[in-house]
Every structure is written in C-alpha cells, then in structure tokens.
Amino acid sequence: MNPLYSDLIKSTCLKIRKLGEIDNNLLELAQNHLDNLTKPQGSLGILEELAKKIILITKNLKPDISKKVIVVMASDHGVTEEKVSAYPKEVTTQMIYNFLNGGAAINVLTRHVGADVVIADVGVGQKINIDQINKNFFIEKKIDYGTKNFIKGPAMTKKQAESSICAGIEIAEQMMQGGYKIIGTGDMGIGNTTASSAITACICGKDVEDVTGLGTGIDNNSYKIKVNTIKKALEINVPNKNDGIDVLSKVGGFEIGAIAG
C-alpha cells in the first residue's frame, strides 16, 4: 500500500480485506429463493442480480433495507472556465438548495421508494447558507471552493485527492451510524462530466470522443470545446492510469473522490 496514504484510507482498506470471500452456498440459496417466488423465473431481470448482490454483501437472505438514503456529493470544477457546460458553475449552488427543498428529480424518485436525500458539500464554489436549508440532510465536508482548471495544471493536490476520498469514507460511516441500511450515491457539479470523461479516457485508454457526451445538453460547438479541453488536460497533466490518486488529483473532482470513498 502506498505509504503516503492517510491512516483513514489504510484502515478502510484493511476493513475491506477482512470481509473475505463471498459465500457461494448463500448465492445458491438466494437463487433458489428468487426462483420460488410467485413470478416467472428471471422475470425481474437486473433487479434479481441486484438482490443477490445485496444478499451476498449483507450475508442475509432477507436483509433489512427499510432505512435508505441517497448521498449527493456536490462540488464545482475550475474547468467550467473553458465553457464546457451549458450552465455556469453557480447552478451547482442553486441545485443544492433545490435538492434540500425537495424540488429535484432525485427527490421525486426517493420519495417514491421511501429514501432520504442527503447533500454533502465537498467542494462547492460558494458557501451554503445553512439558515436556508434543512440542516438534518446537509453535510459540510468542503475541501476547497471547487477544483482548479485542469488545462492549466492539476485539478487538485494529491493531499486534496486523499481528503476527498476520506470525506466519502467518513460520510458512509456517518450514514451507517445514523441507521441507514443501504446507501446510494450521486453527484452534482457543473463540469462534472468533463472530469469523469477525462478519468474514463485515461483509465480505459479510450479516445476522448468515445467517452464524452453532451452533458447538460451542449451544442456541437461546445461539444468540440469539451473534447479538445479534455485532450489538452490529459496531455498537460499526463495522469498515471495505474495510480488512482494521481488520476483523481490531475483531472478529477472532489465529488468523484468522495463517491469512491
């Protein structure tokens, strides 16, 4: 393990290693249980595969997932200076207030399944006015006021990259201590798909055009700017695809690190 990693990351890795191998006997029991339900076998498709994964993770044929939460990691991106998005970075802050007031699409979906929505500020470019929000569903873990523009150098320092991962680990622990049995993650941050496409192109060795989409619904001219910006970022920063911290620090985002944590 990299000696530079923080004690929190090291301890978390040790916890993961102690989880051990999956119990194949439990997998067979889970499949039999699903096949004996009143439905055609396999008719729920990917939901059945997900159910089996949850059973293997919890080591319980009937896991308790009554208390659920979606944690939305929020952060801004310096690369928005390059006009890679249809919206300015200030929209990130506006969306946080919308999430916390229950007005976004994720709020509709979570209400439908009985889950809570928690917003974590890990790098939003503005300070959130806590007097305007429900503080019970907001977590302050700000690492910085957004990343740097990664066509001018790394998006963040290695220490900040680690801090973003640690923030995610701490948030997960907090959610479990709060009684949540199943945690989903999401992210909010104008410019986030530019960072995620850069990471994907680097780690997967794919052409930038093959892993870059229209994001917020940009036009063809903005799409070309987005693709060229990512190419330039990869050329300038030369992230090492075999070192996740290096990739994250050079072309990533705080919210991406937090989700990984």
C-alpha atoms as a PDB file:
ATOM      1  CA  MET A   1       0.000   0.000   0.000  1.00  0.00           C
ATOM      2  CA  ASN A   2       1.250   3.488  -0.854  1.00  0.00           C
ATOM      3  CA  PRO A   3       2.986   4.847   2.286  1.00  0.00           C
ATOM      4  CA  LEU A   4       1.602   8.301   1.506  1.00  0.00           C
ATOM      5  CA  TYR A   5      -1.990   7.229   2.012  1.00  0.00           C
ATOM      6  CA  SER A   6      -3.686   8.581   5.119  1.00  0.00           C
ATOM      7  CA  ASP A   7      -4.346   6.388   8.153  1.00  0.00           C
ATOM      8  CA  LEU A   8      -8.092   6.537   7.431  1.00  0.00           C
ATOM      9  CA  ILE A   9      -7.653   5.168   3.902  1.00  0.00           C
ATOM     10  CA  LYS A  10      -5.278   2.482   5.174  1.00  0.00           C
ATOM     11  CA  SER A  11      -7.676   1.386   7.919  1.00  0.00           C
ATOM     12  CA  THR A  12     -10.571   1.274   5.455  1.00  0.00           C
ATOM     13  CA  CYS A  13      -8.572  -0.879   3.048  1.00  0.00           C
ATOM     14  CA  LEU A  14      -7.798  -3.268   5.913  1.00  0.00           C
ATOM     15  CA  LYS A  15     -11.518  -3.468   6.754  1.00  0.00           C
ATOM     16  CA  ILE A  16     -12.298  -4.320   3.127  1.00  0.00           C
ATOM     17  CA  ARG A  17      -9.665  -7.067   3.091  1.00  0.00           C
ATOM     18  CA  LYS A  18     -11.186  -8.604   6.219  1.00  0.00           C
ATOM     19  CA  LEU A  19     -14.560  -9.019   4.506  1.00  0.00           C
ATOM     20  CA  GLY A  20     -13.361 -12.271   2.955  1.00  0.00           C
ATOM     21  CA  GLU A  21     -14.648 -14.258   0.017  1.00  0.00           C
ATOM     22  CA  ILE A  22     -18.315 -14.472  -0.931  1.00  0.00           C
ATOM     23  CA  ASP A  23     -20.298 -17.454   0.328  1.00  0.00           C
ATOM     24  CA  ASN A  24     -21.264 -19.424  -2.767  1.00  0.00           C
ATOM     25  CA  ASN A  25     -23.650 -21.521  -0.703  1.00  0.00           C
ATOM     26  CA  LEU A  26     -25.547 -18.342   0.119  1.00  0.00           C
ATOM     27  CA  LEU A  27     -25.629 -17.466  -3.584  1.00  0.00           C
ATOM     28  CA  GLU A  28     -27.329 -20.767  -4.340  1.00  0.00           C
ATOM     29  CA  LEU A  29     -29.837 -20.212  -1.533  1.00  0.00           C
ATOM     30  CA  ALA A  30     -30.542 -16.704  -2.825  1.00  0.00           C
ATOM     31  CA  GLN A  31     -31.168 -18.007  -6.344  1.00  0.00           C
ATOM     32  CA  ASN A  32     -33.483 -20.709  -5.058  1.00  0.00           C
ATOM     33  CA  HIS A  33     -35.403 -18.132  -3.029  1.00  0.00           C
ATOM     34  CA  LEU A  34     -35.848 -15.887  -6.069  1.00  0.00           C
ATOM     35  CA  ASP A  35     -36.916 -18.828  -8.243  1.00  0.00           C
ATOM     36  CA  ASN A  36     -39.553 -19.888  -5.707  1.00  0.00           C
ATOM     37  CA  LEU A  37     -41.284 -16.510  -5.619  1.00  0.00           C
ATOM     38  CA  THR A  38     -44.644 -16.200  -7.365  1.00  0.00           C
ATOM     39  CA  LYS A  39     -43.335 -14.978 -10.715  1.00  0.00           C
ATOM     40  CA  PRO A  40     -41.714 -16.426 -13.836  1.00  0.00           C
ATOM     41  CA  GLN A  41     -38.087 -17.314 -13.138  1.00  0.00           C
ATOM     42  CA  GLY A  42     -35.721 -14.456 -14.025  1.00  0.00           C
ATOM     43  CA  SER A  43     -38.612 -12.129 -14.878  1.00  0.00           C
ATOM     44  CA  LEU A  44     -37.296  -9.256 -12.749  1.00  0.00           C
ATOM     45  CA  GLY A  45     -34.098  -9.137 -14.784  1.00  0.00           C
ATOM     46  CA  ILE A  46     -31.320  -6.982 -13.365  1.00  0.00           C
ATOM     47  CA  LEU A  47     -33.285  -6.449 -10.137  1.00  0.00           C
ATOM     48  CA  GLU A  48     -32.713 -10.108  -9.309  1.00  0.00           C
ATOM     49  CA  GLU A  49     -28.974  -9.741  -9.857  1.00  0.00           C
ATOM     50  CA  LEU A  50     -29.000  -6.695  -7.582  1.00  0.00           C
ATOM     51  CA  ALA A  51     -30.981  -8.591  -4.948  1.00  0.00           C
ATOM     52  CA  LYS A  52     -28.394 -11.382  -4.974  1.00  0.00           C
ATOM     53  CA  LYS A  53     -25.564  -8.874  -4.577  1.00  0.00           C
ATOM     54  CA  ILE A  54     -27.245  -7.304  -1.556  1.00  0.00           C
ATOM     55  CA  ILE A  55     -27.747 -10.754  -0.017  1.00  0.00           C
ATOM     56  CA  LEU A  56     -24.074 -11.613  -0.540  1.00  0.00           C
ATOM     57  CA  ILE A  57     -22.932  -8.282   0.908  1.00  0.00           C
ATOM     58  CA  THR A  58     -25.167  -8.481   3.979  1.00  0.00           C
ATOM     59  CA  LYS A  59     -24.865 -12.287   4.295  1.00  0.00           C
ATOM     60  CA  ASN A  60     -28.591 -12.324   4.975  1.00  0.00           C
ATOM     61  CA  LEU A  61     -31.278 -13.955   2.801  1.00  0.00           C
ATOM     62  CA  LYS A  62     -33.777 -11.311   3.932  1.00  0.00           C
ATOM     63  CA  PRO A  63     -31.702  -8.167   4.503  1.00  0.00           C
ATOM     64  CA  ASP A  64     -33.215  -5.136   6.198  1.00  0.00           C
ATOM     65  CA  ILE A  65     -33.138  -2.209   3.767  1.00  0.00           C
ATOM     66  CA  SER A  66     -36.018  -0.325   5.365  1.00  0.00           C
ATOM     67  CA  LYS A  67     -33.945   2.802   6.019  1.00  0.00           C
ATOM     68  CA  LYS A  68     -32.444   4.058   2.772  1.00  0.00           C
ATOM     69  CA  VAL A  69     -30.504   7.139   1.696  1.00  0.00           C
ATOM     70  CA  ILE A  70     -29.080   8.735  -1.420  1.00  0.00           C
ATOM     71  CA  VAL A  71     -25.990  10.832  -0.685  1.00  0.00           C
ATOM     72  CA  VAL A  72     -25.398  13.500  -3.325  1.00  0.00           C
ATOM     73  CA  MET A  73     -21.779  14.675  -3.334  1.00  0.00           C
ATOM     74  CA  ALA A  74     -21.570  18.275  -4.562  1.00  0.00           C
ATOM     75  CA  SER A  75     -18.548  20.139  -5.890  1.00  0.00           C
ATOM     76  CA  ASP A  76     -17.563  22.688  -8.517  1.00  0.00           C
ATOM     77  CA  HIS A  77     -14.996  22.401 -11.297  1.00  0.00           C
ATOM     78  CA  GLY A  78     -12.496  25.019 -12.410  1.00  0.00           C
ATOM     79  CA  VAL A  79     -12.632  23.703 -15.969  1.00  0.00           C
ATOM     80  CA  THR A  80     -16.022  25.391 -16.419  1.00  0.00           C
ATOM     81  CA  GLU A  81     -13.942  28.477 -17.316  1.00  0.00           C
ATOM     82  CA  GLU A  82     -13.485  26.790 -20.716  1.00  0.00           C
ATOM     83  CA  LYS A  83     -17.248  26.879 -21.490  1.00  0.00           C
ATOM     84  CA  VAL A  84     -17.614  23.101 -21.465  1.00  0.00           C
ATOM     85  CA  SER A  85     -21.129  23.288 -19.987  1.00  0.00           C
ATOM     86  CA  ALA A  86     -24.357  24.984 -20.950  1.00  0.00           C
ATOM     87  CA  TYR A  87     -24.635  26.444 -17.449  1.00  0.00           C
ATOM     88  CA  PRO A  88     -22.355  28.481 -15.157  1.00  0.00           C
ATOM     89  CA  LYS A  89     -20.939  26.886 -12.015  1.00  0.00           C
ATOM     90  CA  GLU A  90     -23.312  28.947  -9.839  1.00  0.00           C
ATOM     91  CA  VAL A  91     -26.042  26.489 -10.842  1.00  0.00           C
ATOM     92  CA  THR A  92     -24.397  23.915  -8.546  1.00  0.00           C
ATOM     93  CA  THR A  93     -25.327  26.008  -5.501  1.00  0.00           C
ATOM     94  CA  GLN A  94     -28.833  26.647  -6.821  1.00  0.00           C
ATOM     95  CA  MET A  95     -29.368  22.918  -7.305  1.00  0.00           C
ATOM     96  CA  ILE A  96     -28.243  22.179  -3.740  1.00  0.00           C
ATOM     97  CA  TYR A  97     -30.991  24.436  -2.403  1.00  0.00           C
ATOM     98  CA  ASN A  98     -33.414  22.730  -4.786  1.00  0.00           C
ATOM     99  CA  PHE A  99     -32.378  19.270  -3.545  1.00  0.00           C
ATOM    100  CA  LEU A 100     -32.764  20.316   0.076  1.00  0.00           C
ATOM    101  CA  ASN A 101     -36.186  21.838  -0.621  1.00  0.00           C
ATOM    102  CA  GLY A 102     -37.359  18.616  -2.281  1.00  0.00           C
ATOM    103  CA  GLY A 103     -37.773  20.059  -5.774  1.00  0.00           C
ATOM    104  CA  ALA A 104     -35.366  17.983  -7.901  1.00  0.00           C
ATOM    105  CA  ALA A 105     -35.914  14.773  -9.854  1.00  0.00           C
ATOM    106  CA  ILE A 106     -33.935  12.754  -7.299  1.00  0.00           C
ATOM    107  CA  ASN A 107     -36.353  13.918  -4.592  1.00  0.00           C
ATOM    108  CA  VAL A 108     -39.305  12.569  -6.573  1.00  0.00           C
ATOM    109  CA  LEU A 109     -37.601   9.204  -7.079  1.00  0.00           C
ATOM    110  CA  THR A 110     -36.520   8.869  -3.451  1.00  0.00           C
ATOM    111  CA  ARG A 111     -39.976   9.777  -2.160  1.00  0.00           C
ATOM    112  CA  HIS A 112     -41.343   7.013  -4.366  1.00  0.00           C
ATOM    113  CA  VAL A 113     -39.091   4.385  -2.749  1.00  0.00           C
ATOM    114  CA  GLY A 114     -39.082   5.863   0.765  1.00  0.00           C
ATOM    115  CA  ALA A 115     -35.459   7.014   0.820  1.00  0.00           C
ATOM    116  CA  ASP A 116     -33.908  10.177   2.239  1.00  0.00           C
ATOM    117  CA  VAL A 117     -31.680  12.568   0.293  1.00  0.00           C
ATOM    118  CA  VAL A 118     -28.539  13.888   1.980  1.00  0.00           C
ATOM    119  CA  ILE A 119     -26.390  16.549   0.313  1.00  0.00           C
ATOM    120  CA  ALA A 120     -22.661  16.658   1.070  1.00  0.00           C
ATOM    121  CA  ASP A 121     -20.723  19.796   0.166  1.00  0.00           C
ATOM    122  CA  VAL A 122     -17.220  18.544  -0.605  1.00  0.00           C
ATOM    123  CA  GLY A 123     -16.158  21.441  -2.818  1.00  0.00           C
ATOM    124  CA  VAL A 124     -18.945  23.796  -3.840  1.00  0.00           C
ATOM    125  CA  GLY A 125     -17.692  27.138  -5.155  1.00  0.00           C
ATOM    126  CA  GLN A 126     -19.912  29.154  -2.839  1.00  0.00           C
ATOM    127  CA  LYS A 127     -20.728  28.951   0.858  1.00  0.00           C
ATOM    128  CA  ILE A 128     -24.084  27.326   1.541  1.00  0.00           C
ATOM    129  CA  ASN A 129     -26.357  29.431   3.753  1.00  0.00           C
ATOM    130  CA  ILE A 130     -27.364  26.900   6.387  1.00  0.00           C
ATOM    131  CA  ASP A 131     -30.188  29.168   7.551  1.00  0.00           C
ATOM    132  CA  GLN A 132     -31.984  28.430   4.261  1.00  0.00           C
ATOM    133  CA  ILE A 133     -31.798  24.645   4.415  1.00  0.00           C
ATOM    134  CA  ASN A 134     -32.797  21.595   6.424  1.00  0.00           C
ATOM    135  CA  LYS A 135     -29.539  21.004   8.284  1.00  0.00           C
ATOM    136  CA  ASN A 136     -30.530  17.412   9.094  1.00  0.00           C
ATOM    137  CA  PHE A 137     -29.903  16.482   5.468  1.00  0.00           C
ATOM    138  CA  PHE A 138     -26.789  18.532   4.776  1.00  0.00           C
ATOM    139  CA  ILE A 139     -23.164  17.625   5.487  1.00  0.00           C
ATOM    140  CA  GLU A 140     -20.312  20.130   5.321  1.00  0.00           C
ATOM    141  CA  LYS A 141     -17.077  18.491   4.151  1.00  0.00           C
ATOM    142  CA  LYS A 142     -15.716  21.264   1.942  1.00  0.00           C
ATOM    143  CA  ILE A 143     -12.155  20.599   0.800  1.00  0.00           C
ATOM    144  CA  ASP A 144     -11.872  23.756  -1.285  1.00  0.00           C
ATOM    145  CA  TYR A 145     -14.102  26.123  -3.229  1.00  0.00           C
ATOM    146  CA  GLY A 146     -14.005  23.964  -6.354  1.00  0.00           C
ATOM    147  CA  THR A 147     -11.108  22.373  -8.209  1.00  0.00           C
ATOM    148  CA  LYS A 148      -8.587  24.239 -10.344  1.00  0.00           C
ATOM    149  CA  ASN A 149      -8.904  24.495 -14.133  1.00  0.00           C
ATOM    150  CA  PHE A 150      -7.105  21.324 -15.155  1.00  0.00           C
ATOM    151  CA  ILE A 151      -5.882  22.602 -18.509  1.00  0.00           C
ATOM    152  CA  LYS A 152      -3.605  24.908 -16.502  1.00  0.00           C
ATOM    153  CA  GLY A 153      -2.283  22.165 -14.224  1.00  0.00           C
ATOM    154  CA  PRO A 154      -3.648  19.521 -11.822  1.00  0.00           C
ATOM    155  CA  ALA A 155      -7.256  19.866 -10.697  1.00  0.00           C
ATOM    156  CA  MET A 156      -6.171  19.446  -7.072  1.00  0.00           C
ATOM    157  CA  THR A 157      -3.223  18.435  -4.937  1.00  0.00           C
ATOM    158  CA  LYS A 158      -2.552  14.809  -4.020  1.00  0.00           C
ATOM    159  CA  LYS A 159      -3.445  15.701  -0.420  1.00  0.00           C
ATOM    160  CA  GLN A 160      -6.796  17.134  -1.547  1.00  0.00           C
ATOM    161  CA  ALA A 161      -7.465  13.988  -3.598  1.00  0.00           C
ATOM    162  CA  GLU A 162      -6.911  11.888  -0.495  1.00  0.00           C
ATOM    163  CA  SER A 163      -9.061  14.269   1.539  1.00  0.00           C
ATOM    164  CA  SER A 164     -11.951  13.826  -0.882  1.00  0.00           C
ATOM    165  CA  ILE A 165     -11.752  10.036  -0.533  1.00  0.00           C
ATOM    166  CA  CYS A 166     -11.550  10.343   3.250  1.00  0.00           C
ATOM    167  CA  ALA A 167     -14.614  12.596   3.201  1.00  0.00           C
ATOM    168  CA  GLY A 168     -16.567   9.868   1.431  1.00  0.00           C
ATOM    169  CA  ILE A 169     -15.423   7.241   3.928  1.00  0.00           C
ATOM    170  CA  GLU A 170     -16.447   9.458   6.844  1.00  0.00           C
ATOM    171  CA  ILE A 171     -19.851  10.204   5.274  1.00  0.00           C
ATOM    172  CA  ALA A 172     -20.516   6.483   4.767  1.00  0.00           C
ATOM    173  CA  GLU A 173     -19.634   5.800   8.405  1.00  0.00           C
ATOM    174  CA  GLN A 174     -21.937   8.649   9.470  1.00  0.00           C
ATOM    175  CA  MET A 175     -24.809   7.238   7.426  1.00  0.00           C
ATOM    176  CA  MET A 176     -24.360   3.775   8.948  1.00  0.00           C
ATOM    177  CA  GLN A 177     -24.236   5.235  12.438  1.00  0.00           C
ATOM    178  CA  GLY A 178     -27.497   7.005  11.584  1.00  0.00           C
ATOM    179  CA  GLY A 179     -29.153   3.645  10.994  1.00  0.00           C
ATOM    180  CA  TYR A 180     -29.162   3.581   7.197  1.00  0.00           C
ATOM    181  CA  LYS A 181     -29.032   0.040   5.850  1.00  0.00           C
ATOM    182  CA  ILE A 182     -28.450   0.831   2.205  1.00  0.00           C
ATOM    183  CA  ILE A 183     -26.676   3.834   0.692  1.00  0.00           C
ATOM    184  CA  GLY A 184     -26.828   5.113  -2.863  1.00  0.00           C
ATOM    185  CA  THR A 185     -24.563   7.831  -4.238  1.00  0.00           C
ATOM    186  CA  GLY A 186     -24.988  10.650  -6.711  1.00  0.00           C
ATOM    187  CA  ASP A 187     -23.196  13.835  -7.613  1.00  0.00           C
ATOM    188  CA  MET A 188     -23.885  17.450  -8.501  1.00  0.00           C
ATOM    189  CA  GLY A 189     -21.437  19.875 -10.023  1.00  0.00           C
ATOM    190  CA  ILE A 190     -21.404  21.816 -13.265  1.00  0.00           C
ATOM    191  CA  GLY A 191     -18.456  20.472 -15.268  1.00  0.00           C
ATOM    192  CA  ASN A 192     -18.568  17.051 -13.631  1.00  0.00           C
ATOM    193  CA  THR A 193     -18.983  15.096 -16.861  1.00  0.00           C
ATOM    194  CA  THR A 194     -15.866  16.760 -18.263  1.00  0.00           C
ATOM    195  CA  ALA A 195     -13.878  15.406 -15.312  1.00  0.00           C
ATOM    196  CA  SER A 196     -15.492  11.967 -15.449  1.00  0.00           C
ATOM    197  CA  SER A 197     -14.843  11.693 -19.203  1.00  0.00           C
ATOM    198  CA  ALA A 198     -11.195  12.641 -18.666  1.00  0.00           C
ATOM    199  CA  ILE A 199     -10.866   9.943 -15.985  1.00  0.00           C
ATOM    200  CA  THR A 200     -12.561   7.343 -18.198  1.00  0.00           C
ATOM    201  CA  ALA A 201     -10.420   8.164 -21.246  1.00  0.00           C
ATOM    202  CA  CYS A 202      -7.292   7.881 -19.124  1.00  0.00           C
ATOM    203  CA  ILE A 203      -8.024   4.680 -17.207  1.00  0.00           C
ATOM    204  CA  CYS A 204      -9.738   2.822 -20.066  1.00  0.00           C
ATOM    205  CA  GLY A 205      -7.329   4.019 -22.763  1.00  0.00           C
ATOM    206  CA  LYS A 206     -10.216   5.159 -24.944  1.00  0.00           C
ATOM    207  CA  ASP A 207     -10.399   8.036 -27.409  1.00  0.00           C
ATOM    208  CA  VAL A 208     -11.878  11.097 -25.722  1.00  0.00           C
ATOM    209  CA  GLU A 209     -14.655  11.312 -28.308  1.00  0.00           C
ATOM    210  CA  ASP A 210     -15.797   7.779 -27.434  1.00  0.00           C
ATOM    211  CA  VAL A 211     -16.342   8.532 -23.743  1.00  0.00           C
ATOM    212  CA  THR A 212     -17.588  12.121 -23.852  1.00  0.00           C
ATOM    213  CA  GLY A 213     -21.239  13.115 -24.122  1.00  0.00           C
ATOM    214  CA  LEU A 214     -23.279  16.290 -24.317  1.00  0.00           C
ATOM    215  CA  GLY A 215     -23.545  16.641 -20.532  1.00  0.00           C
ATOM    216  CA  THR A 216     -26.057  19.395 -19.808  1.00  0.00           C
ATOM    217  CA  GLY A 217     -27.197  19.417 -23.428  1.00  0.00           C
ATOM    218  CA  ILE A 218     -24.466  21.491 -25.067  1.00  0.00           C
ATOM    219  CA  ASP A 219     -24.445  22.249 -28.785  1.00  0.00           C
ATOM    220  CA  ASN A 220     -21.965  20.805 -31.290  1.00  0.00           C
ATOM    221  CA  ASN A 221     -19.556  23.716 -30.982  1.00  0.00           C
ATOM    222  CA  SER A 222     -19.438  23.405 -27.189  1.00  0.00           C
ATOM    223  CA  TYR A 223     -19.024  19.657 -27.545  1.00  0.00           C
ATOM    224  CA  LYS A 224     -15.899  20.191 -29.649  1.00  0.00           C
ATOM    225  CA  ILE A 225     -14.581  22.577 -26.998  1.00  0.00           C
ATOM    226  CA  LYS A 226     -15.280  19.968 -24.326  1.00  0.00           C
ATOM    227  CA  VAL A 227     -13.465  17.204 -26.217  1.00  0.00           C
ATOM    228  CA  ASN A 228     -10.460  19.402 -27.016  1.00  0.00           C
ATOM    229  CA  THR A 229     -10.318  20.613 -23.405  1.00  0.00           C
ATOM    230  CA  ILE A 230     -10.161  17.041 -22.124  1.00  0.00           C
ATOM    231  CA  LYS A 231      -7.462  16.135 -24.652  1.00  0.00           C
ATOM    232  CA  LYS A 232      -5.431  19.155 -23.607  1.00  0.00           C
ATOM    233  CA  ALA A 233      -5.845  18.284 -19.912  1.00  0.00           C
ATOM    234  CA  LEU A 234      -4.584  14.748 -20.466  1.00  0.00           C
ATOM    235  CA  GLU A 235      -1.623  15.976 -22.495  1.00  0.00           C
ATOM    236  CA  ILE A 236      -0.643  18.615 -19.937  1.00  0.00           C
ATOM    237  CA  ASN A 237      -1.111  16.554 -16.772  1.00  0.00           C
ATOM    238  CA  VAL A 238      -0.170  13.057 -18.034  1.00  0.00           C
ATOM    239  CA  PRO A 239      -2.083  11.163 -15.300  1.00  0.00           C
ATOM    240  CA  ASN A 240      -0.817   7.684 -14.481  1.00  0.00           C
ATOM    241  CA  LYS A 241      -3.723   5.325 -15.165  1.00  0.00           C
ATOM    242  CA  ASN A 242      -2.263   2.783 -12.733  1.00  0.00           C
ATOM    243  CA  ASP A 243      -2.438   5.260  -9.848  1.00  0.00           C
ATOM    244  CA  GLY A 244      -5.998   6.231  -8.989  1.00  0.00           C
ATOM    245  CA  ILE A 245      -4.928   9.051  -6.675  1.00  0.00           C
ATOM    246  CA  ASP A 246      -2.775  10.524  -9.436  1.00  0.00           C
ATOM    247  CA  VAL A 247      -5.642  10.412 -11.942  1.00  0.00           C
ATOM    248  CA  LEU A 248      -8.097  11.898  -9.449  1.00  0.00           C
ATOM    249  CA  SER A 249      -5.751  14.719  -8.480  1.00  0.00           C
ATOM    250  CA  LYS A 250      -4.893  15.679 -12.046  1.00  0.00           C
ATOM    251  CA  VAL A 251      -8.223  15.510 -13.897  1.00  0.00           C
ATOM    252  CA  GLY A 252     -10.861  14.583 -11.306  1.00  0.00           C
ATOM    253  CA  GLY A 253     -13.290  16.296  -8.971  1.00  0.00           C
ATOM    254  CA  PHE A 254     -13.811  16.344  -5.219  1.00  0.00           C
ATOM    255  CA  GLU A 255     -17.236  14.730  -5.607  1.00  0.00           C
ATOM    256  CA  ILE A 256     -15.734  11.864  -7.639  1.00  0.00           C
ATOM    257  CA  GLY A 257     -13.205  11.178  -4.882  1.00  0.00           C
ATOM    258  CA  ALA A 258     -15.932  11.328  -2.238  1.00  0.00           C
ATOM    259  CA  ILE A 259     -18.065   8.803  -4.112  1.00  0.00           C
ATOM    260  CA  ALA A 260     -15.033   6.491  -4.395  1.00  0.00           C
ATOM    261  CA  GLY A 261     -14.551   6.800  -0.632  1.00  0.00           C
END
